[in-house]
């Protein structure tokens, strides 16, 4: 699997994903927080399908 998400981008995605998922349990408690799973998973895996389609690579390699 090709990694196309850099280190800073990965950290930002994981933090944003965790914040959005936390909104499901704390705060407004809406189901929109489940959208946080997308940046969370792409940050943990290191591959973003949208980046692949657009030819973007934030990874330093």
PDB file of N, CA and C in Angstrom:
ATOM      1  N   UNK A   1       0.845  -1.166   0.000  1.00  0.00           N
ATOM      2  CA  UNK A   1       0.000   0.000   0.000  1.00  0.00           C
ATOM      3  C   UNK A   1       0.897   1.236   0.000  1.00  0.00           C
ATOM      4  N   UNK A   2       0.613   2.180  -0.857  1.00  0.00           N
ATOM      5  CA  UNK A   2       1.412   3.386  -1.000  1.00  0.00           C
ATOM      6  C   UNK A   2       1.011   4.419   0.047  1.00  0.00           C
ATOM      7  N   UNK A   3       1.989   4.908   0.791  1.00  0.00           N
ATOM      8  CA  UNK A   3       1.725   5.960   1.764  1.00  0.00           C
ATOM      9  C   UNK A   3       1.825   7.308   1.071  1.00  0.00           C
ATOM     10  N   UNK A   4       0.789   8.123   1.202  1.00  0.00           N
ATOM     11  CA  UNK A   4       0.806   9.435   0.577  1.00  0.00           C
ATOM     12  C   UNK A   4       0.436  10.541   1.557  1.00  0.00           C
ATOM     13  N   UNK A   5       0.463  10.246   2.840  1.00  0.00           N
ATOM     14  CA  UNK A   5       0.142  11.228   3.872  1.00  0.00           C
ATOM     15  C   UNK A   5       1.371  11.393   4.758  1.00  0.00           C
ATOM     16  N   UNK A   6       1.873  12.625   4.849  1.00  0.00           N
ATOM     17  CA  UNK A   6       3.063  12.907   5.639  1.00  0.00           C
ATOM     18  C   UNK A   6       2.800  12.890   7.136  1.00  0.00           C
ATOM     19  N   UNK A   7       3.888  13.024   7.911  1.00  0.00           N
ATOM     20  CA  UNK A   7       3.801  12.898   9.365  1.00  0.00           C
ATOM     21  C   UNK A   7       2.924  13.981   9.998  1.00  0.00           C
ATOM     22  N   UNK A   8       3.135  15.237   9.615  1.00  0.00           N
ATOM     23  CA  UNK A   8       2.333  16.331  10.186  1.00  0.00           C
ATOM     24  C   UNK A   8       0.873  16.182   9.782  1.00  0.00           C
ATOM     25  N   UNK A   9       0.651  15.827   8.542  1.00  0.00           N
ATOM     26  CA  UNK A   9      -0.707  15.614   8.036  1.00  0.00           C
ATOM     27  C   UNK A   9      -1.390  14.474   8.786  1.00  0.00           C
ATOM     28  N   UNK A  10      -0.648  13.404   9.068  1.00  0.00           N
ATOM     29  CA  UNK A  10      -1.210  12.260   9.790  1.00  0.00           C
ATOM     30  C   UNK A  10      -1.619  12.649  11.205  1.00  0.00           C
ATOM     31  N   UNK A  11      -0.752  13.393  11.890  1.00  0.00           N
ATOM     32  CA  UNK A  11      -1.057  13.817  13.263  1.00  0.00           C
ATOM     33  C   UNK A  11      -2.291  14.707  13.271  1.00  0.00           C
ATOM     34  N   UNK A  12      -2.351  15.642  12.325  1.00  0.00           N
ATOM     35  CA  UNK A  12      -3.512  16.539  12.247  1.00  0.00           C
ATOM     36  C   UNK A  12      -4.794  15.755  11.989  1.00  0.00           C
ATOM     37  N   UNK A  13      -4.735  14.773  11.107  1.00  0.00           N
ATOM     38  CA  UNK A  13      -5.922  13.966  10.800  1.00  0.00           C
ATOM     39  C   UNK A  13      -6.392  13.164  12.015  1.00  0.00           C
ATOM     40  N   UNK A  14      -5.452  12.589  12.744  1.00  0.00           N
ATOM     41  CA  UNK A  14      -5.819  11.794  13.920  1.00  0.00           C
ATOM     42  C   UNK A  14      -6.448  12.696  14.983  1.00  0.00           C
ATOM     43  N   UNK A  15      -5.861  13.866  15.213  1.00  0.00           N
ATOM     44  CA  UNK A  15      -6.403  14.781  16.224  1.00  0.00           C
ATOM     45  C   UNK A  15      -7.795  15.261  15.822  1.00  0.00           C
ATOM     46  N   UNK A  16      -7.944  15.679  14.575  1.00  0.00           N
ATOM     47  CA  UNK A  16      -9.253  16.153  14.107  1.00  0.00           C
ATOM     48  C   UNK A  16     -10.276  15.021  14.148  1.00  0.00           C
ATOM     49  N   UNK A  17      -9.867  13.828  13.749  1.00  0.00           N
ATOM     50  CA  UNK A  17     -10.775  12.680  13.788  1.00  0.00           C
ATOM     51  C   UNK A  17     -11.239  12.355  15.196  1.00  0.00           C
ATOM     52  N   UNK A  18     -10.301  12.384  16.140  1.00  0.00           N
ATOM     53  CA  UNK A  18     -10.676  12.107  17.531  1.00  0.00           C
ATOM     54  C   UNK A  18     -11.619  13.173  18.082  1.00  0.00           C
ATOM     55  N   UNK A  19     -11.374  14.420  17.737  1.00  0.00           N
ATOM     56  CA  UNK A  19     -12.261  15.496  18.198  1.00  0.00           C
ATOM     57  C   UNK A  19     -13.661  15.311  17.636  1.00  0.00           C
ATOM     58  N   UNK A  20     -13.760  14.999  16.359  1.00  0.00           N
ATOM     59  CA  UNK A  20     -15.084  14.816  15.745  1.00  0.00           C
ATOM     60  C   UNK A  20     -15.817  13.612  16.316  1.00  0.00           C
ATOM     61  N   UNK A  21     -15.104  12.509  16.524  1.00  0.00           N
ATOM     62  CA  UNK A  21     -15.746  11.320  17.101  1.00  0.00           C
ATOM     63  C   UNK A  21     -16.161  11.597  18.536  1.00  0.00           C
ATOM     64  N   UNK A  22     -15.377  12.359  19.272  1.00  0.00           N
ATOM     65  CA  UNK A  22     -15.728  12.694  20.649  1.00  0.00           C
ATOM     66  C   UNK A  22     -17.017  13.510  20.709  1.00  0.00           C
ATOM     67  N   UNK A  23     -17.297  14.252  19.637  1.00  0.00           N
ATOM     68  CA  UNK A  23     -18.538  15.044  19.607  1.00  0.00           C
ATOM     69  C   UNK A  23     -19.777  14.168  19.623  1.00  0.00           C
ATOM     70  N   UNK A  24     -19.641  12.908  19.256  1.00  0.00           N
ATOM     71  CA  UNK A  24     -20.783  11.996  19.290  1.00  0.00           C
ATOM     72  C   UNK A  24     -21.182  11.714  20.732  1.00  0.00           C
ATOM     73  N   UNK A  25     -20.193  11.668  21.613  1.00  0.00           N
ATOM     74  CA  UNK A  25     -20.438  11.289  23.003  1.00  0.00           C
ATOM     75  C   UNK A  25     -20.520  12.488  23.944  1.00  0.00           C
ATOM     76  N   UNK A  26     -19.799  13.555  23.624  1.00  0.00           N
ATOM     77  CA  UNK A  26     -19.747  14.744  24.473  1.00  0.00           C
ATOM     78  C   UNK A  26     -20.082  15.952  23.613  1.00  0.00           C
ATOM     79  N   UNK A  27     -20.820  16.870  24.142  1.00  0.00           N
ATOM     80  CA  UNK A  27     -21.132  18.080  23.387  1.00  0.00           C
ATOM     81  C   UNK A  27     -22.484  17.977  22.719  1.00  0.00           C
ATOM     82  N   UNK A  28     -22.544  18.318  21.426  1.00  0.00           N
ATOM     83  CA  UNK A  28     -23.846  18.353  20.756  1.00  0.00           C
ATOM     84  C   UNK A  28     -24.483  16.982  20.557  1.00  0.00           C
ATOM     85  N   UNK A  29     -23.689  15.912  20.647  1.00  0.00           N
ATOM     86  CA  UNK A  29     -24.176  14.534  20.523  1.00  0.00           C
ATOM     87  C   UNK A  29     -24.993  14.304  19.253  1.00  0.00           C
ATOM     88  N   UNK A  30     -24.432  14.746  18.132  1.00  0.00           N
ATOM     89  CA  UNK A  30     -25.067  14.498  16.841  1.00  0.00           C
ATOM     90  C   UNK A  30     -24.308  13.393  16.118  1.00  0.00           C
ATOM     91  N   UNK A  31     -24.954  12.793  15.165  1.00  0.00           N
ATOM     92  CA  UNK A  31     -24.313  11.708  14.421  1.00  0.00           C
ATOM     93  C   UNK A  31     -23.292  12.216  13.409  1.00  0.00           C
ATOM     94  N   UNK A  32     -23.213  13.515  13.191  1.00  0.00           N
ATOM     95  CA  UNK A  32     -22.226  14.075  12.266  1.00  0.00           C
ATOM     96  C   UNK A  32     -20.801  13.806  12.744  1.00  0.00           C
ATOM     97  N   UNK A  33     -20.624  13.560  14.005  1.00  0.00           N
ATOM     98  CA  UNK A  33     -19.297  13.272  14.539  1.00  0.00           C
ATOM     99  C   UNK A  33     -18.701  11.991  13.997  1.00  0.00           C
ATOM    100  N   UNK A  34     -19.538  11.071  13.523  1.00  0.00           N
ATOM    101  CA  UNK A  34     -19.026   9.830  12.959  1.00  0.00           C
ATOM    102  C   UNK A  34     -18.229  10.066  11.686  1.00  0.00           C
ATOM    103  N   UNK A  35     -18.381  11.229  11.069  1.00  0.00           N
ATOM    104  CA  UNK A  35     -17.554  11.561   9.909  1.00  0.00           C
ATOM    105  C   UNK A  35     -16.087  11.684  10.303  1.00  0.00           C
ATOM    106  N   UNK A  36     -15.828  11.818  11.590  1.00  0.00           N
ATOM    107  CA  UNK A  36     -14.457  11.880  12.089  1.00  0.00           C
ATOM    108  C   UNK A  36     -13.710  10.572  11.904  1.00  0.00           C
ATOM    109  N   UNK A  37     -14.426   9.488  11.622  1.00  0.00           N
ATOM    110  CA  UNK A  37     -13.755   8.212  11.369  1.00  0.00           C
ATOM    111  C   UNK A  37     -12.919   8.257  10.092  1.00  0.00           C
ATOM    112  N   UNK A  38     -13.331   9.068   9.127  1.00  0.00           N
ATOM    113  CA  UNK A  38     -12.600   9.145   7.861  1.00  0.00           C
ATOM    114  C   UNK A  38     -11.195   9.712   8.078  1.00  0.00           C
ATOM    115  N   UNK A  39     -11.047  10.917   8.662  1.00  0.00           N
ATOM    116  CA  UNK A  39      -9.677  11.394   8.877  1.00  0.00           C
ATOM    117  C   UNK A  39      -8.908  10.550   9.892  1.00  0.00           C
ATOM    118  N   UNK A  40      -9.605   9.983  10.857  1.00  0.00           N
ATOM    119  CA  UNK A  40      -8.938   9.140  11.848  1.00  0.00           C
ATOM    120  C   UNK A  40      -8.305   7.914  11.182  1.00  0.00           C
ATOM    121  N   UNK A  41      -9.066   7.220  10.358  1.00  0.00           N
ATOM    122  CA  UNK A  41      -8.561   6.012   9.694  1.00  0.00           C
ATOM    123  C   UNK A  41      -7.469   6.362   8.682  1.00  0.00           C
ATOM    124  N   UNK A  42      -7.677   7.411   7.890  1.00  0.00           N
ATOM    125  CA  UNK A  42      -6.651   7.765   6.905  1.00  0.00           C
ATOM    126  C   UNK A  42      -5.374   8.238   7.590  1.00  0.00           C
ATOM    127  N   UNK A  43      -5.501   8.855   8.746  1.00  0.00           N
ATOM    128  CA  UNK A  43      -4.320   9.261   9.495  1.00  0.00           C
ATOM    129  C   UNK A  43      -3.580   8.082  10.091  1.00  0.00           C
ATOM    130  N   UNK A  44      -4.311   7.099  10.582  1.00  0.00           N
ATOM    131  CA  UNK A  44      -3.677   5.923  11.167  1.00  0.00           C
ATOM    132  C   UNK A  44      -3.037   5.025  10.101  1.00  0.00           C
ATOM    133  N   UNK A  45      -3.693   4.906   8.962  1.00  0.00           N
ATOM    134  CA  UNK A  45      -3.198   4.044   7.895  1.00  0.00           C
ATOM    135  C   UNK A  45      -2.084   4.728   7.107  1.00  0.00           C
ATOM    136  N   UNK A  46      -2.189   6.040   6.913  1.00  0.00           N
ATOM    137  CA  UNK A  46      -1.178   6.780   6.161  1.00  0.00           C
ATOM    138  C   UNK A  46      -1.464   6.884   4.683  1.00  0.00           C
ATOM    139  N   UNK A  47      -2.647   6.478   4.279  1.00  0.00           N
ATOM    140  CA  UNK A  47      -3.041   6.545   2.875  1.00  0.00           C
ATOM    141  C   UNK A  47      -4.399   7.213   2.753  1.00  0.00           C
ATOM    142  N   UNK A  48      -4.486   8.173   1.840  1.00  0.00           N
ATOM    143  CA  UNK A  48      -5.742   8.874   1.609  1.00  0.00           C
ATOM    144  C   UNK A  48      -6.175   8.622   0.161  1.00  0.00           C
ATOM    145  N   UNK A  49      -7.336   8.002  -0.045  1.00  0.00           N
ATOM    146  CA  UNK A  49      -7.804   7.745  -1.403  1.00  0.00           C
ATOM    147  C   UNK A  49      -8.009   9.024  -2.213  1.00  0.00           C
ATOM    148  N   UNK A  50      -8.456  10.091  -1.578  1.00  0.00           N
ATOM    149  CA  UNK A  50      -8.654  11.355  -2.294  1.00  0.00           C
ATOM    150  C   UNK A  50      -7.310  11.909  -2.779  1.00  0.00           C
ATOM    151  N   UNK A  51      -6.272  11.786  -1.962  1.00  0.00           N
ATOM    152  CA  UNK A  51      -4.940  12.219  -2.370  1.00  0.00           C
ATOM    153  C   UNK A  51      -4.475  11.412  -3.580  1.00  0.00           C
ATOM    154  N   UNK A  52      -4.762  10.124  -3.593  1.00  0.00           N
ATOM    155  CA  UNK A  52      -4.371   9.277  -4.718  1.00  0.00           C
ATOM    156  C   UNK A  52      -5.057   9.710  -6.007  1.00  0.00           C
ATOM    157  N   UNK A  53      -6.344  10.005  -5.915  1.00  0.00           N
ATOM    158  CA  UNK A  53      -7.096  10.444  -7.093  1.00  0.00           C
ATOM    159  C   UNK A  53      -6.605  11.779  -7.627  1.00  0.00           C
ATOM    160  N   UNK A  54      -6.217  12.678  -6.713  1.00  0.00           N
ATOM    161  CA  UNK A  54      -5.792  14.019  -7.120  1.00  0.00           C
ATOM    162  C   UNK A  54      -4.290  14.107  -7.364  1.00  0.00           C
ATOM    163  N   UNK A  55      -3.554  13.056  -7.096  1.00  0.00           N
ATOM    164  CA  UNK A  55      -2.113  13.048  -7.325  1.00  0.00           C
ATOM    165  C   UNK A  55      -1.340  13.845  -6.292  1.00  0.00           C
ATOM    166  N   UNK A  56      -1.878  13.984  -5.089  1.00  0.00           N
ATOM    167  CA  UNK A  56      -1.221  14.730  -4.018  1.00  0.00           C
ATOM    168  C   UNK A  56      -0.424  13.769  -3.164  1.00  0.00           C
ATOM    169  N   UNK A  57       0.753  14.218  -2.720  1.00  0.00           N
ATOM    170  CA  UNK A  57       1.581  13.389  -1.848  1.00  0.00           C
ATOM    171  C   UNK A  57       2.238  14.316  -0.831  1.00  0.00           C
ATOM    172  N   UNK A  58       1.797  14.261   0.416  1.00  0.00           N
ATOM    173  CA  UNK A  58       2.390  15.101   1.459  1.00  0.00           C
ATOM    174  C   UNK A  58       3.487  14.354   2.212  1.00  0.00           C
ATOM    175  N   UNK A  59       3.753  13.135   1.789  1.00  0.00           N
ATOM    176  CA  UNK A  59       4.803  12.326   2.408  1.00  0.00           C
ATOM    177  C   UNK A  59       6.154  12.788   1.864  1.00  0.00           C
ATOM    178  N   UNK A  60       7.153  12.796   2.723  1.00  0.00           N
ATOM    179  CA  UNK A  60       8.462  13.306   2.350  1.00  0.00           C
ATOM    180  C   UNK A  60       9.253  12.431   1.392  1.00  0.00           C
ATOM    181  N   UNK A  61       8.822  11.233   1.136  1.00  0.00           N
ATOM    182  CA  UNK A  61       9.596  10.318   0.294  1.00  0.00           C
ATOM    183  C   UNK A  61       9.522  10.690  -1.144  1.00  0.00           C
TER     184      UNK A  61
END
